[in-house]
Amino acid sequence: MFKSGSPRTVSKTTCVHFHRQRIYTEPALHLDGQPIPVKGEAKILGVIFYHKLSFANHVKYLKNKCLKALNLLRVVGHTDWGADRATLLKLYRTLVRSKLDYGSVVYGSAKKHVLRGLDPIHHRGLRIALGAFRTSPIKSLYAEVGEPSLEHRRIKLAFNYVLKLKSLPRNPCHDVVFEALLSDFSADTKSEPNLVANTFEHIRMLKST
């Protein structure tokens, strides 16, 4: 930011102290002699980073954002004069699923019960596109349109990210992913591996089969 000549202002600067401690001291940082405000979360490129990296706030924000898009999809998919199934599926994947995919490699490290809060969005969108009943089994919806669950979708996107990153050794994230995450993180029982680390576990399982 500094090399590009962007102005440095305190009003556009936020400090987030990432930690999981109950007793802590907030850092005192200054920019041009003025104190930088310390906040509990910050939105960076559309992803909300909470100071405990739980991503619960981002999932909640993402859920509300997708609900608005589902309302539009519901209007377009009116039973009397609405669009056909193929058009509704394209709209769902463009307006809703794209939002769920964005940043999934980052927020995919959240707890499973937090990520499960997005599943109803996925299921509701498929039901609207297919004109299915609320009581329709979820697995039958997946089979009808060839759509995976969000969990498998996040794993696939993580695979794509790892493969792309592998071909870019000069990328700043390359060493972080392929050196730090390939190390034995199981020694620390308190920390949970993120989505990319879980992807490496899937790769090891595929190699062993």
Protein backbone atom coordinates (compact mmCIF):
# COMPACT_ATOMS: atom_id res chain seq x y z
CA MET A 1 0.00 0.00 0.00
CA PHE A 2 2.84 2.36 0.89
CA LYS A 3 4.81 1.66 -2.31
CA SER A 4 1.80 2.34 -4.50
CA GLY A 5 1.45 5.81 -3.07
CA SER A 6 -1.91 5.21 -1.34
CA PRO A 7 -2.58 7.73 1.43
CA ARG A 8 -2.10 6.53 5.00
CA THR A 9 -4.97 7.68 7.17
CA VAL A 10 -6.03 6.47 10.60
CA SER A 11 -9.71 6.61 9.60
CA LYS A 12 -9.08 3.86 7.04
CA THR A 13 -6.84 1.77 9.29
CA THR A 14 -7.96 -0.84 11.80
CA CYS A 15 -6.00 -3.09 14.12
CA VAL A 16 -7.33 -6.57 14.95
CA HIS A 17 -5.54 -8.51 17.67
CA PHE A 18 -5.96 -12.20 16.79
CA HIS A 19 -5.88 -14.36 19.90
CA ARG A 20 -7.87 -16.88 21.93
CA GLN A 21 -6.84 -15.81 25.40
CA ARG A 22 -9.23 -14.68 28.10
CA ILE A 23 -6.78 -12.27 29.68
CA TYR A 24 -4.84 -10.15 27.24
CA THR A 25 -3.53 -6.66 26.58
CA GLU A 26 -4.51 -4.79 23.44
CA PRO A 27 -1.55 -3.56 21.36
CA ALA A 28 -0.88 0.16 21.18
CA LEU A 29 -0.06 1.06 17.58
CA HIS A 30 0.32 4.51 16.07
CA LEU A 31 0.24 5.85 12.53
CA ASP A 32 1.70 9.31 11.88
CA GLY A 33 1.53 9.96 15.62
CA GLN A 34 -2.15 9.03 15.92
CA PRO A 35 -3.38 5.86 17.70
CA ILE A 36 -4.82 3.12 15.48
CA PRO A 37 -8.21 1.91 16.78
CA VAL A 38 -8.31 -1.71 17.92
CA LYS A 39 -11.49 -3.56 16.94
CA GLY A 40 -12.76 -7.07 17.42
CA GLU A 41 -13.25 -7.72 13.72
CA ALA A 42 -12.46 -6.31 10.30
CA LYS A 43 -13.72 -6.94 6.77
CA ILE A 44 -10.92 -7.64 4.33
CA LEU A 45 -11.85 -8.23 0.68
CA GLY A 46 -15.38 -9.13 1.65
CA VAL A 47 -14.44 -11.62 4.40
CA ILE A 48 -15.06 -10.71 8.04
CA PHE A 49 -12.11 -11.68 10.25
CA TYR A 50 -13.08 -12.03 13.92
CA HIS A 51 -10.28 -11.74 16.46
CA LYS A 52 -10.75 -15.39 17.46
CA LEU A 53 -10.87 -16.51 13.81
CA SER A 54 -14.14 -18.34 14.40
CA PHE A 55 -15.72 -16.80 11.26
CA ALA A 56 -19.15 -17.07 12.90
CA ASN A 57 -19.86 -13.41 12.15
CA HIS A 58 -18.88 -13.86 8.52
CA VAL A 59 -21.14 -16.91 8.15
CA LYS A 60 -24.02 -14.93 9.64
CA TYR A 61 -23.34 -12.01 7.31
CA LEU A 62 -23.07 -14.38 4.33
CA LYS A 63 -26.33 -16.10 5.24
CA ASN A 64 -28.25 -12.82 5.35
CA LYS A 65 -26.70 -11.76 2.05
CA CYS A 66 -27.73 -15.00 0.35
CA LEU A 67 -31.27 -14.79 1.72
CA LYS A 68 -31.81 -11.55 -0.22
CA ALA A 69 -30.67 -13.27 -3.41
CA LEU A 70 -33.00 -16.19 -2.70
CA ASN A 71 -35.94 -13.79 -2.51
CA LEU A 72 -35.14 -12.64 -6.03
CA LEU A 73 -34.84 -16.24 -7.16
CA ARG A 74 -38.23 -17.01 -5.64
CA VAL A 75 -39.85 -14.20 -7.60
CA VAL A 76 -38.26 -15.27 -10.88
CA GLY A 77 -39.27 -18.87 -10.23
CA HIS A 78 -43.00 -18.18 -9.90
CA THR A 79 -45.03 -21.32 -10.62
CA ASP A 80 -47.37 -19.59 -13.09
CA TRP A 81 -45.11 -17.37 -15.19
CA GLY A 82 -41.62 -18.08 -13.81
CA ALA A 83 -38.48 -19.32 -15.53
CA ASP A 84 -37.73 -22.96 -16.30
CA ARG A 85 -35.54 -25.26 -14.23
CA ALA A 86 -32.34 -24.76 -16.23
CA THR A 87 -32.59 -20.98 -15.99
CA LEU A 88 -33.30 -21.07 -12.26
CA LEU A 89 -30.30 -23.32 -11.65
CA LYS A 90 -28.06 -20.90 -13.56
CA LEU A 91 -29.43 -18.01 -11.54
CA TYR A 92 -28.90 -19.89 -8.28
CA ARG A 93 -25.32 -20.74 -9.12
CA THR A 94 -24.65 -17.18 -10.24
CA LEU A 95 -26.43 -15.21 -7.52
CA VAL A 96 -26.21 -17.49 -4.49
CA ARG A 97 -23.64 -20.23 -4.85
CA SER A 98 -21.01 -17.79 -6.07
CA LYS A 99 -21.35 -15.92 -2.78
CA LEU A 100 -20.96 -19.16 -0.83
CA ASP A 101 -17.87 -20.09 -2.85
CA TYR A 102 -16.11 -16.77 -2.42
CA GLY A 103 -13.59 -16.96 0.40
CA SER A 104 -14.56 -20.55 1.30
CA VAL A 105 -10.89 -21.53 1.45
CA VAL A 106 -10.53 -18.98 4.26
CA TYR A 107 -13.77 -19.28 6.26
CA GLY A 108 -13.89 -23.04 5.66
CA SER A 109 -11.73 -23.46 8.78
CA ALA A 110 -14.70 -22.56 10.98
CA LYS A 111 -16.36 -25.09 13.24
CA LYS A 112 -18.58 -27.63 11.53
CA HIS A 113 -21.67 -26.47 13.40
CA VAL A 114 -20.99 -22.92 12.20
CA LEU A 115 -20.62 -23.99 8.58
CA ARG A 116 -23.79 -26.07 8.79
CA GLY A 117 -25.68 -22.80 9.14
CA LEU A 118 -25.16 -22.27 5.40
CA ASP A 119 -26.62 -25.63 4.38
CA PRO A 120 -30.27 -24.44 4.55
CA ILE A 121 -29.42 -21.69 2.06
CA HIS A 122 -28.05 -24.27 -0.36
CA HIS A 123 -31.01 -26.58 0.08
CA ARG A 124 -33.57 -23.80 -0.23
CA GLY A 125 -32.02 -22.59 -3.46
CA LEU A 126 -32.13 -26.07 -4.97
CA ARG A 127 -35.75 -26.53 -3.92
CA ILE A 128 -36.73 -23.24 -5.54
CA ALA A 129 -34.93 -24.14 -8.76
CA LEU A 130 -36.46 -27.62 -8.90
CA GLY A 131 -39.88 -26.65 -7.60
CA ALA A 132 -39.49 -29.37 -4.96
CA PHE A 133 -41.42 -29.68 -1.71
CA ARG A 134 -39.90 -28.76 1.63
CA THR A 135 -40.11 -32.40 2.67
CA SER A 136 -38.06 -33.59 -0.32
CA PRO A 137 -34.96 -35.52 0.82
CA ILE A 138 -31.77 -33.53 0.50
CA LYS A 139 -29.83 -36.33 -1.17
CA SER A 140 -32.47 -36.62 -3.87
CA LEU A 141 -32.03 -32.90 -4.61
CA TYR A 142 -28.29 -33.40 -5.03
CA ALA A 143 -28.85 -36.36 -7.35
CA GLU A 144 -31.47 -34.52 -9.41
CA VAL A 145 -29.21 -31.62 -10.39
CA GLY A 146 -25.77 -33.17 -9.87
CA GLU A 147 -24.94 -30.65 -7.17
CA PRO A 148 -22.63 -31.60 -4.27
CA SER A 149 -23.11 -30.58 -0.68
CA LEU A 150 -21.44 -27.38 0.50
CA GLU A 151 -18.90 -29.39 2.49
CA HIS A 152 -17.78 -31.32 -0.58
CA ARG A 153 -17.92 -28.12 -2.60
CA ARG A 154 -15.51 -26.41 -0.20
CA ILE A 155 -13.13 -29.39 -0.37
CA LYS A 156 -13.19 -29.26 -4.18
CA LEU A 157 -12.42 -25.53 -4.19
CA ALA A 158 -9.60 -26.14 -1.72
CA PHE A 159 -8.19 -28.81 -4.04
CA ASN A 160 -8.29 -26.34 -6.94
CA TYR A 161 -6.58 -23.70 -4.82
CA VAL A 162 -3.79 -26.06 -3.73
CA LEU A 163 -3.16 -27.29 -7.28
CA LYS A 164 -3.06 -23.76 -8.64
CA LEU A 165 -0.78 -22.61 -5.83
CA LYS A 166 1.55 -25.54 -6.50
CA SER A 167 2.22 -24.20 -9.98
CA LEU A 168 3.06 -20.73 -8.62
CA PRO A 169 6.16 -21.15 -6.41
CA ARG A 170 6.73 -17.38 -6.34
CA ASN A 171 3.32 -16.73 -4.85
CA PRO A 172 3.66 -15.31 -1.29
CA CYS A 173 1.25 -17.98 0.00
CA HIS A 174 3.21 -20.88 -1.49
CA ASP A 175 5.71 -21.30 1.34
CA VAL A 176 3.05 -20.72 3.98
CA VAL A 177 0.83 -23.49 2.62
CA PHE A 178 3.36 -26.10 1.51
CA GLU A 179 5.82 -25.72 4.38
CA ALA A 180 3.79 -24.74 7.43
CA LEU A 181 0.68 -26.82 6.67
CA LEU A 182 2.64 -29.89 5.57
CA SER A 183 4.34 -29.93 8.97
CA ASP A 184 2.94 -32.10 11.73
CA PHE A 185 0.13 -29.92 13.09
CA SER A 186 -1.32 -32.87 15.01
CA ALA A 187 1.16 -32.24 17.81
CA ASP A 188 -0.83 -29.23 18.90
CA THR A 189 -4.12 -30.69 20.10
CA LYS A 190 -5.66 -27.30 20.84
CA SER A 191 -5.37 -25.94 17.31
CA GLU A 192 -7.62 -27.09 14.51
CA PRO A 193 -6.32 -27.52 10.95
CA ASN A 194 -7.89 -25.20 8.43
CA LEU A 195 -9.58 -26.22 5.21
CA VAL A 196 -6.34 -26.35 3.22
CA ALA A 197 -4.74 -28.58 5.86
CA ASN A 198 -7.75 -30.87 5.71
CA THR A 199 -7.31 -30.97 1.95
CA PHE A 200 -3.81 -32.36 2.42
CA GLU A 201 -5.31 -35.05 4.62
CA HIS A 202 -7.66 -36.00 1.78
CA ILE A 203 -4.69 -36.15 -0.59
CA ARG A 204 -2.83 -38.48 1.77
CA MET A 205 -5.89 -40.70 2.02
CA LEU A 206 -6.18 -40.89 -1.78
CA LYS A 207 -2.50 -41.82 -2.10
CA SER A 208 -2.84 -44.58 0.51
CA THR A 209 -5.82 -46.20 -1.28
